[in-house]
Amino acid sequence: MTPLPAARALDQFFLDARSRVLDLAATLDRVGRGADPAAAAADPRAKLLRQALEVLLSDAPNRAEKVQQVFSLAYDANWERPTPRF
């Protein structure tokens, strides 16, 4: 499969990406304006968001994969497979 030319990808996805960035900015503003923003800044979820944003701002390839890894648990070979409940 031939990759989409960069200019065409921008034409096709810019408005959607802009909307998502604005939504994220609004969420971060709400957290920052909330009571006790220092506690929120120390929350592990806020740290994960900051890590993901650092990945997005980098020029590294496969950013989507790397952002997914930020939010994922590490592989555990001893993980117990759940059994279905019937």
PDB file of N, CA and C in Angstrom:
ATOM      1  N   MET A   1       0.839  -1.167   0.000  1.00  0.00           N
ATOM      2  CA  MET A   1       0.000   0.000   0.000  1.00  0.00           C
ATOM      3  C   MET A   1       0.897   1.248   0.000  1.00  0.00           C
ATOM      4  N   THR A   2       0.559   2.191  -0.833  1.00  0.00           N
ATOM      5  CA  THR A   2       1.325   3.428  -0.951  1.00  0.00           C
ATOM      6  C   THR A   2       0.883   4.415   0.128  1.00  0.00           C
ATOM      7  N   PRO A   3       1.853   4.989   0.865  1.00  0.00           N
ATOM      8  CA  PRO A   3       1.467   5.973   1.890  1.00  0.00           C
ATOM      9  C   PRO A   3       0.823   7.208   1.262  1.00  0.00           C
ATOM     10  N   LEU A   4      -0.061   7.804   2.007  1.00  0.00           N
ATOM     11  CA  LEU A   4      -0.720   9.042   1.601  1.00  0.00           C
ATOM     12  C   LEU A   4       0.311  10.164   1.583  1.00  0.00           C
ATOM     13  N   PRO A   5       0.354  11.000   0.540  1.00  0.00           N
ATOM     14  CA  PRO A   5       1.288  12.128   0.564  1.00  0.00           C
ATOM     15  C   PRO A   5       1.015  13.030   1.778  1.00  0.00           C
ATOM     16  N   ALA A   6       2.075  13.564   2.360  1.00  0.00           N
ATOM     17  CA  ALA A   6       1.965  14.352   3.594  1.00  0.00           C
ATOM     18  C   ALA A   6       0.991  15.517   3.445  1.00  0.00           C
ATOM     19  N   ALA A   7       1.061  16.232   2.343  1.00  0.00           N
ATOM     20  CA  ALA A   7       0.171  17.384   2.145  1.00  0.00           C
ATOM     21  C   ALA A   7      -1.292  16.931   2.091  1.00  0.00           C
ATOM     22  N   ARG A   8      -1.533  15.809   1.466  1.00  0.00           N
ATOM     23  CA  ARG A   8      -2.905  15.299   1.388  1.00  0.00           C
ATOM     24  C   ARG A   8      -3.386  14.830   2.767  1.00  0.00           C
ATOM     25  N   ALA A   9      -2.478  14.219   3.537  1.00  0.00           N
ATOM     26  CA  ALA A   9      -2.843  13.800   4.893  1.00  0.00           C
ATOM     27  C   ALA A   9      -3.222  15.011   5.726  1.00  0.00           C
ATOM     28  N   LEU A  10      -2.479  16.103   5.603  1.00  0.00           N
ATOM     29  CA  LEU A  10      -2.834  17.328   6.322  1.00  0.00           C
ATOM     30  C   LEU A  10      -4.189  17.854   5.871  1.00  0.00           C
ATOM     31  N   ASP A  11      -4.407  17.861   4.561  1.00  0.00           N
ATOM     32  CA  ASP A  11      -5.707  18.305   4.040  1.00  0.00           C
ATOM     33  C   ASP A  11      -6.844  17.465   4.623  1.00  0.00           C
ATOM     34  N   GLN A  12      -6.624  16.181   4.706  1.00  0.00           N
ATOM     35  CA  GLN A  12      -7.685  15.263   5.111  1.00  0.00           C
ATOM     36  C   GLN A  12      -7.906  15.241   6.621  1.00  0.00           C
ATOM     37  N   PHE A  13      -6.845  15.374   7.417  1.00  0.00           N
ATOM     38  CA  PHE A  13      -6.960  15.140   8.853  1.00  0.00           C
ATOM     39  C   PHE A  13      -6.744  16.364   9.735  1.00  0.00           C
ATOM     40  N   PHE A  14      -6.418  17.505   9.161  1.00  0.00           N
ATOM     41  CA  PHE A  14      -6.079  18.680   9.970  1.00  0.00           C
ATOM     42  C   PHE A  14      -7.208  19.114  10.899  1.00  0.00           C
ATOM     43  N   LEU A  15      -8.407  19.252  10.381  1.00  0.00           N
ATOM     44  CA  LEU A  15      -9.513  19.752  11.207  1.00  0.00           C
ATOM     45  C   LEU A  15      -9.839  18.800  12.351  1.00  0.00           C
ATOM     46  N   ASP A  16      -9.800  17.520  12.098  1.00  0.00           N
ATOM     47  CA  ASP A  16     -10.052  16.543  13.155  1.00  0.00           C
ATOM     48  C   ASP A  16      -8.944  16.609  14.209  1.00  0.00           C
ATOM     49  N   ALA A  17      -7.694  16.681  13.780  1.00  0.00           N
ATOM     50  CA  ALA A  17      -6.575  16.767  14.723  1.00  0.00           C
ATOM     51  C   ALA A  17      -6.651  18.054  15.532  1.00  0.00           C
ATOM     52  N   ARG A  18      -6.976  19.153  14.883  1.00  0.00           N
ATOM     53  CA  ARG A  18      -7.106  20.431  15.583  1.00  0.00           C
ATOM     54  C   ARG A  18      -8.182  20.339  16.666  1.00  0.00           C
ATOM     55  N   SER A  19      -9.286  19.727  16.334  1.00  0.00           N
ATOM     56  CA  SER A  19     -10.385  19.564  17.291  1.00  0.00           C
ATOM     57  C   SER A  19      -9.939  18.748  18.504  1.00  0.00           C
ATOM     58  N   ARG A  20      -9.201  17.688  18.257  1.00  0.00           N
ATOM     59  CA  ARG A  20      -8.742  16.835  19.359  1.00  0.00           C
ATOM     60  C   ARG A  20      -7.725  17.561  20.244  1.00  0.00           C
ATOM     61  N   VAL A  21      -6.853  18.343  19.633  1.00  0.00           N
ATOM     62  CA  VAL A  21      -5.870  19.107  20.415  1.00  0.00           C
ATOM     63  C   VAL A  21      -6.592  20.149  21.274  1.00  0.00           C
ATOM     64  N   LEU A  22      -7.587  20.832  20.702  1.00  0.00           N
ATOM     65  CA  LEU A  22      -8.352  21.816  21.469  1.00  0.00           C
ATOM     66  C   LEU A  22      -9.111  21.150  22.619  1.00  0.00           C
ATOM     67  N   ASP A  23      -9.655  19.965  22.384  1.00  0.00           N
ATOM     68  CA  ASP A  23     -10.356  19.234  23.432  1.00  0.00           C
ATOM     69  C   ASP A  23      -9.395  18.852  24.566  1.00  0.00           C
ATOM     70  N   LEU A  24      -8.212  18.411  24.222  1.00  0.00           N
ATOM     71  CA  LEU A  24      -7.212  18.080  25.236  1.00  0.00           C
ATOM     72  C   LEU A  24      -6.793  19.323  26.018  1.00  0.00           C
ATOM     73  N   ALA A  25      -6.600  20.434  25.317  1.00  0.00           N
ATOM     74  CA  ALA A  25      -6.240  21.682  25.999  1.00  0.00           C
ATOM     75  C   ALA A  25      -7.337  22.102  26.967  1.00  0.00           C
ATOM     76  N   ALA A  26      -8.584  21.966  26.572  1.00  0.00           N
ATOM     77  CA  ALA A  26      -9.702  22.324  27.451  1.00  0.00           C
ATOM     78  C   ALA A  26      -9.735  21.424  28.683  1.00  0.00           C
ATOM     79  N   THR A  27      -9.477  20.141  28.499  1.00  0.00           N
ATOM     80  CA  THR A  27      -9.435  19.216  29.634  1.00  0.00           C
ATOM     81  C   THR A  27      -8.325  19.605  30.601  1.00  0.00           C
ATOM     82  N   LEU A  28      -7.145  19.882  30.076  1.00  0.00           N
ATOM     83  CA  LEU A  28      -6.029  20.272  30.931  1.00  0.00           C
ATOM     84  C   LEU A  28      -6.312  21.598  31.638  1.00  0.00           C
ATOM     85  N   ASP A  29      -7.001  22.515  30.969  1.00  0.00           N
ATOM     86  CA  ASP A  29      -7.405  23.773  31.609  1.00  0.00           C
ATOM     87  C   ASP A  29      -8.356  23.510  32.772  1.00  0.00           C
ATOM     88  N   ARG A  30      -9.333  22.618  32.573  1.00  0.00           N
ATOM     89  CA  ARG A  30     -10.274  22.288  33.650  1.00  0.00           C
ATOM     90  C   ARG A  30      -9.553  21.700  34.852  1.00  0.00           C
ATOM     91  N   VAL A  31      -8.617  20.824  34.608  1.00  0.00           N
ATOM     92  CA  VAL A  31      -7.844  20.228  35.701  1.00  0.00           C
ATOM     93  C   VAL A  31      -7.027  21.306  36.401  1.00  0.00           C
ATOM     94  N   GLY A  32      -6.410  22.176  35.624  1.00  0.00           N
ATOM     95  CA  GLY A  32      -5.585  23.236  36.197  1.00  0.00           C
ATOM     96  C   GLY A  32      -6.370  24.253  36.998  1.00  0.00           C
ATOM     97  N   ARG A  33      -7.622  24.483  36.627  1.00  0.00           N
ATOM     98  CA  ARG A  33      -8.461  25.447  37.352  1.00  0.00           C
ATOM     99  C   ARG A  33      -9.204  24.817  38.520  1.00  0.00           C
ATOM    100  N   GLY A  34      -9.134  23.501  38.647  1.00  0.00           N
ATOM    101  CA  GLY A  34      -9.858  22.815  39.707  1.00  0.00           C
ATOM    102  C   GLY A  34      -9.238  23.071  41.065  1.00  0.00           C
ATOM    103  N   ALA A  35      -9.970  22.682  42.097  1.00  0.00           N
ATOM    104  CA  ALA A  35      -9.459  22.807  43.461  1.00  0.00           C
ATOM    105  C   ALA A  35      -8.245  21.893  43.610  1.00  0.00           C
ATOM    106  N   ASP A  36      -7.198  22.407  44.230  1.00  0.00           N
ATOM    107  CA  ASP A  36      -5.970  21.674  44.493  1.00  0.00           C
ATOM    108  C   ASP A  36      -5.299  21.145  43.215  1.00  0.00           C
ATOM    109  N   PRO A  37      -4.943  22.040  42.291  1.00  0.00           N
ATOM    110  CA  PRO A  37      -4.298  21.594  41.046  1.00  0.00           C
ATOM    111  C   PRO A  37      -2.941  20.931  41.292  1.00  0.00           C
ATOM    112  N   ALA A  38      -2.281  21.244  42.413  1.00  0.00           N
ATOM    113  CA  ALA A  38      -0.997  20.606  42.700  1.00  0.00           C
ATOM    114  C   ALA A  38      -1.175  19.109  42.921  1.00  0.00           C
ATOM    115  N   ALA A  39      -2.264  18.725  43.591  1.00  0.00           N
ATOM    116  CA  ALA A  39      -2.537  17.301  43.798  1.00  0.00           C
ATOM    117  C   ALA A  39      -2.812  16.620  42.464  1.00  0.00           C
ATOM    118  N   ALA A  40      -3.533  17.305  41.590  1.00  0.00           N
ATOM    119  CA  ALA A  40      -3.812  16.730  40.274  1.00  0.00           C
ATOM    120  C   ALA A  40      -2.527  16.581  39.469  1.00  0.00           C
ATOM    121  N   ALA A  41      -1.625  17.542  39.586  1.00  0.00           N
ATOM    122  CA  ALA A  41      -0.359  17.474  38.852  1.00  0.00           C
ATOM    123  C   ALA A  41       0.487  16.299  39.317  1.00  0.00           C
ATOM    124  N   ALA A  42       0.342  15.901  40.577  1.00  0.00           N
ATOM    125  CA  ALA A  42       1.105  14.773  41.109  1.00  0.00           C
ATOM    126  C   ALA A  42       0.424  13.434  40.838  1.00  0.00           C
ATOM    127  N   ASP A  43      -0.794  13.463  40.355  1.00  0.00           N
ATOM    128  CA  ASP A  43      -1.546  12.242  40.070  1.00  0.00           C
ATOM    129  C   ASP A  43      -0.837  11.454  38.955  1.00  0.00           C
ATOM    130  N   PRO A  44      -0.721  10.144  39.090  1.00  0.00           N
ATOM    131  CA  PRO A  44      -0.044   9.345  38.057  1.00  0.00           C
ATOM    132  C   PRO A  44      -0.673   9.482  36.675  1.00  0.00           C
ATOM    133  N   ARG A  45      -1.972   9.718  36.623  1.00  0.00           N
ATOM    134  CA  ARG A  45      -2.621   9.886  35.313  1.00  0.00           C
ATOM    135  C   ARG A  45      -2.153  11.158  34.628  1.00  0.00           C
ATOM    136  N   ALA A  46      -1.957  12.228  35.409  1.00  0.00           N
ATOM    137  CA  ALA A  46      -1.447  13.474  34.830  1.00  0.00           C
ATOM    138  C   ALA A  46      -0.028  13.266  34.321  1.00  0.00           C
ATOM    139  N   LYS A  47       0.741  12.485  35.044  1.00  0.00           N
ATOM    140  CA  LYS A  47       2.105  12.189  34.602  1.00  0.00           C
ATOM    141  C   LYS A  47       2.091  11.407  33.294  1.00  0.00           C
ATOM    142  N   LEU A  48       1.151  10.477  33.164  1.00  0.00           N
ATOM    143  CA  LEU A  48       1.031   9.726  31.915  1.00  0.00           C
ATOM    144  C   LEU A  48       0.661  10.645  30.754  1.00  0.00           C
ATOM    145  N   LEU A  49      -0.252  11.588  31.010  1.00  0.00           N
ATOM    146  CA  LEU A  49      -0.613  12.541  29.952  1.00  0.00           C
ATOM    147  C   LEU A  49       0.597  13.368  29.523  1.00  0.00           C
ATOM    148  N   ARG A  50       1.405  13.802  30.500  1.00  0.00           N
ATOM    149  CA  ARG A  50       2.601  14.572  30.157  1.00  0.00           C
ATOM    150  C   ARG A  50       3.584  13.732  29.341  1.00  0.00           C
ATOM    151  N   GLN A  51       3.763  12.463  29.724  1.00  0.00           N
ATOM    152  CA  GLN A  51       4.646  11.581  28.958  1.00  0.00           C
ATOM    153  C   GLN A  51       4.134  11.414  27.527  1.00  0.00           C
ATOM    154  N   ALA A  52       2.830  11.219  27.379  1.00  0.00           N
ATOM    155  CA  ALA A  52       2.250  11.047  26.050  1.00  0.00           C
ATOM    156  C   ALA A  52       2.434  12.307  25.209  1.00  0.00           C
ATOM    157  N   LEU A  53       2.279  13.471  25.842  1.00  0.00           N
ATOM    158  CA  LEU A  53       2.475  14.723  25.109  1.00  0.00           C
ATOM    159  C   LEU A  53       3.925  14.880  24.666  1.00  0.00           C
ATOM    160  N   GLU A  54       4.861  14.449  25.495  1.00  0.00           N
ATOM    161  CA  GLU A  54       6.275  14.497  25.106  1.00  0.00           C
ATOM    162  C   GLU A  54       6.521  13.627  23.878  1.00  0.00           C
ATOM    163  N   VAL A  55       5.891  12.457  23.832  1.00  0.00           N
ATOM    164  CA  VAL A  55       6.022  11.592  22.661  1.00  0.00           C
ATOM    165  C   VAL A  55       5.440  12.286  21.436  1.00  0.00           C
ATOM    166  N   LEU A  56       4.267  12.904  21.601  1.00  0.00           N
ATOM    167  CA  LEU A  56       3.636  13.586  20.467  1.00  0.00           C
ATOM    168  C   LEU A  56       4.487  14.728  19.931  1.00  0.00           C
ATOM    169  N   LEU A  57       5.172  15.423  20.820  1.00  0.00           N
ATOM    170  CA  LEU A  57       5.984  16.564  20.407  1.00  0.00           C
ATOM    171  C   LEU A  57       7.332  16.155  19.817  1.00  0.00           C
ATOM    172  N   SER A  58       7.690  14.895  19.946  1.00  0.00           N
ATOM    173  CA  SER A  58       8.953  14.426  19.388  1.00  0.00           C
ATOM    174  C   SER A  58       8.790  14.170  17.891  1.00  0.00           C
ATOM    175  N   ASP A  59       9.902  14.009  17.226  1.00  0.00           N
ATOM    176  CA  ASP A  59       9.875  13.661  15.802  1.00  0.00           C
ATOM    177  C   ASP A  59      10.077  12.166  15.592  1.00  0.00           C
ATOM    178  N   ALA A  60       9.959  11.401  16.662  1.00  0.00           N
ATOM    179  CA  ALA A  60      10.185   9.962  16.590  1.00  0.00           C
ATOM    180  C   ALA A  60       9.141   9.295  15.700  1.00  0.00           C
ATOM    181  N   PRO A  61       9.546   8.243  14.996  1.00  0.00           N
ATOM    182  CA  PRO A  61       8.557   7.501  14.204  1.00  0.00           C
ATOM    183  C   PRO A  61       7.645   6.690  15.117  1.00  0.00           C
ATOM    184  N   ASN A  62       6.521   6.269  14.597  1.00  0.00           N
ATOM    185  CA  ASN A  62       5.576   5.404  15.324  1.00  0.00           C
ATOM    186  C   ASN A  62       5.070   6.038  16.615  1.00  0.00           C
ATOM    187  N   ARG A  63       4.723   7.310  16.552  1.00  0.00           N
ATOM    188  CA  ARG A  63       4.252   7.992  17.760  1.00  0.00           C
ATOM    189  C   ARG A  63       2.985   7.375  18.322  1.00  0.00           C
ATOM    190  N   ALA A  64       2.076   6.944  17.463  1.00  0.00           N
ATOM    191  CA  ALA A  64       0.828   6.336  17.964  1.00  0.00           C
ATOM    192  C   ALA A  64       1.143   5.098  18.793  1.00  0.00           C
ATOM    193  N   GLU A  65       2.052   4.276  18.310  1.00  0.00           N
ATOM    194  CA  GLU A  65       2.443   3.076  19.053  1.00  0.00           C
ATOM    195  C   GLU A  65       3.092   3.456  20.380  1.00  0.00           C
ATOM    196  N   LYS A  66       3.948   4.451  20.361  1.00  0.00           N
ATOM    197  CA  LYS A  66       4.649   4.853  21.582  1.00  0.00           C
ATOM    198  C   LYS A  66       3.694   5.477  22.602  1.00  0.00           C
ATOM    199  N   VAL A  67       2.711   6.233  22.137  1.00  0.00           N
ATOM    200  CA  VAL A  67       1.710   6.782  23.054  1.00  0.00           C
ATOM    201  C   VAL A  67       0.894   5.649  23.658  1.00  0.00           C
ATOM    202  N   GLN A  68       0.524   4.672  22.854  1.00  0.00           N
ATOM    203  CA  GLN A  68      -0.212   3.515  23.377  1.00  0.00           C
ATOM    204  C   GLN A  68       0.599   2.812  24.452  1.00  0.00           C
ATOM    205  N   GLN A  69       1.900   2.694  24.250  1.00  0.00           N
ATOM    206  CA  GLN A  69       2.762   2.042  25.240  1.00  0.00           C
ATOM    207  C   GLN A  69       2.821   2.836  26.542  1.00  0.00           C
ATOM    208  N   VAL A  70       2.740   4.164  26.452  1.00  0.00           N
ATOM    209  CA  VAL A  70       2.735   4.983  27.669  1.00  0.00           C
ATOM    210  C   VAL A  70       1.556   4.589  28.558  1.00  0.00           C
ATOM    211  N   PHE A  71       0.410   4.328  27.949  1.00  0.00           N
ATOM    212  CA  PHE A  71      -0.812   4.034  28.706  1.00  0.00           C
ATOM    213  C   PHE A  71      -1.025   2.543  28.972  1.00  0.00           C
ATOM    214  N   SER A  72      -0.127   1.695  28.501  1.00  0.00           N
ATOM    215  CA  SER A  72      -0.300   0.248  28.634  1.00  0.00           C
ATOM    216  C   SER A  72       0.528  -0.304  29.784  1.00  0.00           C
ATOM    217  N   LEU A  73       0.057  -1.403  30.337  1.00  0.00           N
ATOM    218  CA  LEU A  73       0.825  -2.129  31.340  1.00  0.00           C
ATOM    219  C   LEU A  73       1.919  -2.936  30.640  1.00  0.00           C
ATOM    220  N   ALA A  74       3.027  -3.100  31.320  1.00  0.00           N
ATOM    221  CA  ALA A  74       4.099  -3.923  30.772  1.00  0.00           C
ATOM    222  C   ALA A  74       3.648  -5.382  30.725  1.00  0.00           C
ATOM    223  N   TYR A  75       4.204  -6.114  29.794  1.00  0.00           N
ATOM    224  CA  TYR A  75       3.871  -7.535  29.669  1.00  0.00           C
ATOM    225  C   TYR A  75       4.319  -8.280  30.920  1.00  0.00           C
ATOM    226  N   ASP A  76       3.462  -9.144  31.402  1.00  0.00           N
ATOM    227  CA  ASP A  76       3.763  -9.964  32.569  1.00  0.00           C
ATOM    228  C   ASP A  76       3.554 -11.426  32.178  1.00  0.00           C
ATOM    229  N   ALA A  77       4.642 -12.179  32.109  1.00  0.00           N
ATOM    230  CA  ALA A  77       4.556 -13.581  31.703  1.00  0.00           C
ATOM    231  C   ALA A  77       3.752 -14.406  32.701  1.00  0.00           C
ATOM    232  N   ASN A  78       3.597 -13.923  33.925  1.00  0.00           N
ATOM    233  CA  ASN A  78       2.860 -14.654  34.954  1.00  0.00           C
ATOM    234  C   ASN A  78       1.395 -14.233  35.047  1.00  0.00           C
ATOM    235  N   TRP A  79       0.942 -13.449  34.100  1.00  0.00           N
ATOM    236  CA  TRP A  79      -0.438 -12.986  34.100  1.00  0.00           C
ATOM    237  C   TRP A  79      -1.376 -14.187  34.025  1.00  0.00           C
ATOM    238  N   GLU A  80      -2.359 -14.200  34.907  1.00  0.00           N
ATOM    239  CA  GLU A  80      -3.336 -15.286  34.908  1.00  0.00           C
ATOM    240  C   GLU A  80      -4.432 -14.990  33.908  1.00  0.00           C
ATOM    241  N   ARG A  81      -4.645 -15.916  33.023  1.00  0.00           N
ATOM    242  CA  ARG A  81      -5.684 -15.751  32.026  1.00  0.00           C
ATOM    243  C   ARG A  81      -7.039 -15.848  32.705  1.00  0.00           C
ATOM    244  N   PRO A  82      -7.921 -14.864  32.496  1.00  0.00           N
ATOM    245  CA  PRO A  82      -9.247 -14.929  33.136  1.00  0.00           C
ATOM    246  C   PRO A  82     -10.072 -16.089  32.591  1.00  0.00           C
ATOM    247  N   THR A  83     -10.921 -16.636  33.428  1.00  0.00           N
ATOM    248  CA  THR A  83     -11.816 -17.698  32.988  1.00  0.00           C
ATOM    249  C   THR A  83     -13.212 -17.100  32.826  1.00  0.00           C
ATOM    250  N   PRO A  84     -13.894 -17.489  31.768  1.00  0.00           N
ATOM    251  CA  PRO A  84     -15.236 -16.934  31.535  1.00  0.00           C
ATOM    252  C   PRO A  84     -16.222 -17.394  32.609  1.00  0.00           C
ATOM    253  N   ARG A  85     -17.145 -16.506  32.924  1.00  0.00           N
ATOM    254  CA  ARG A  85     -18.226 -16.827  33.863  1.00  0.00           C
ATOM    255  C   ARG A  85     -19.480 -17.145  33.071  1.00  0.00           C
ATOM    256  N   PHE A  86     -20.077 -18.268  33.361  1.00  0.00           N
ATOM    257  CA  PHE A  86     -21.313 -18.646  32.648  1.00  0.00           C
ATOM    258  C   PHE A  86     -22.453 -18.724  33.612  1.00  0.00           C
TER     259      PHE A  86
END
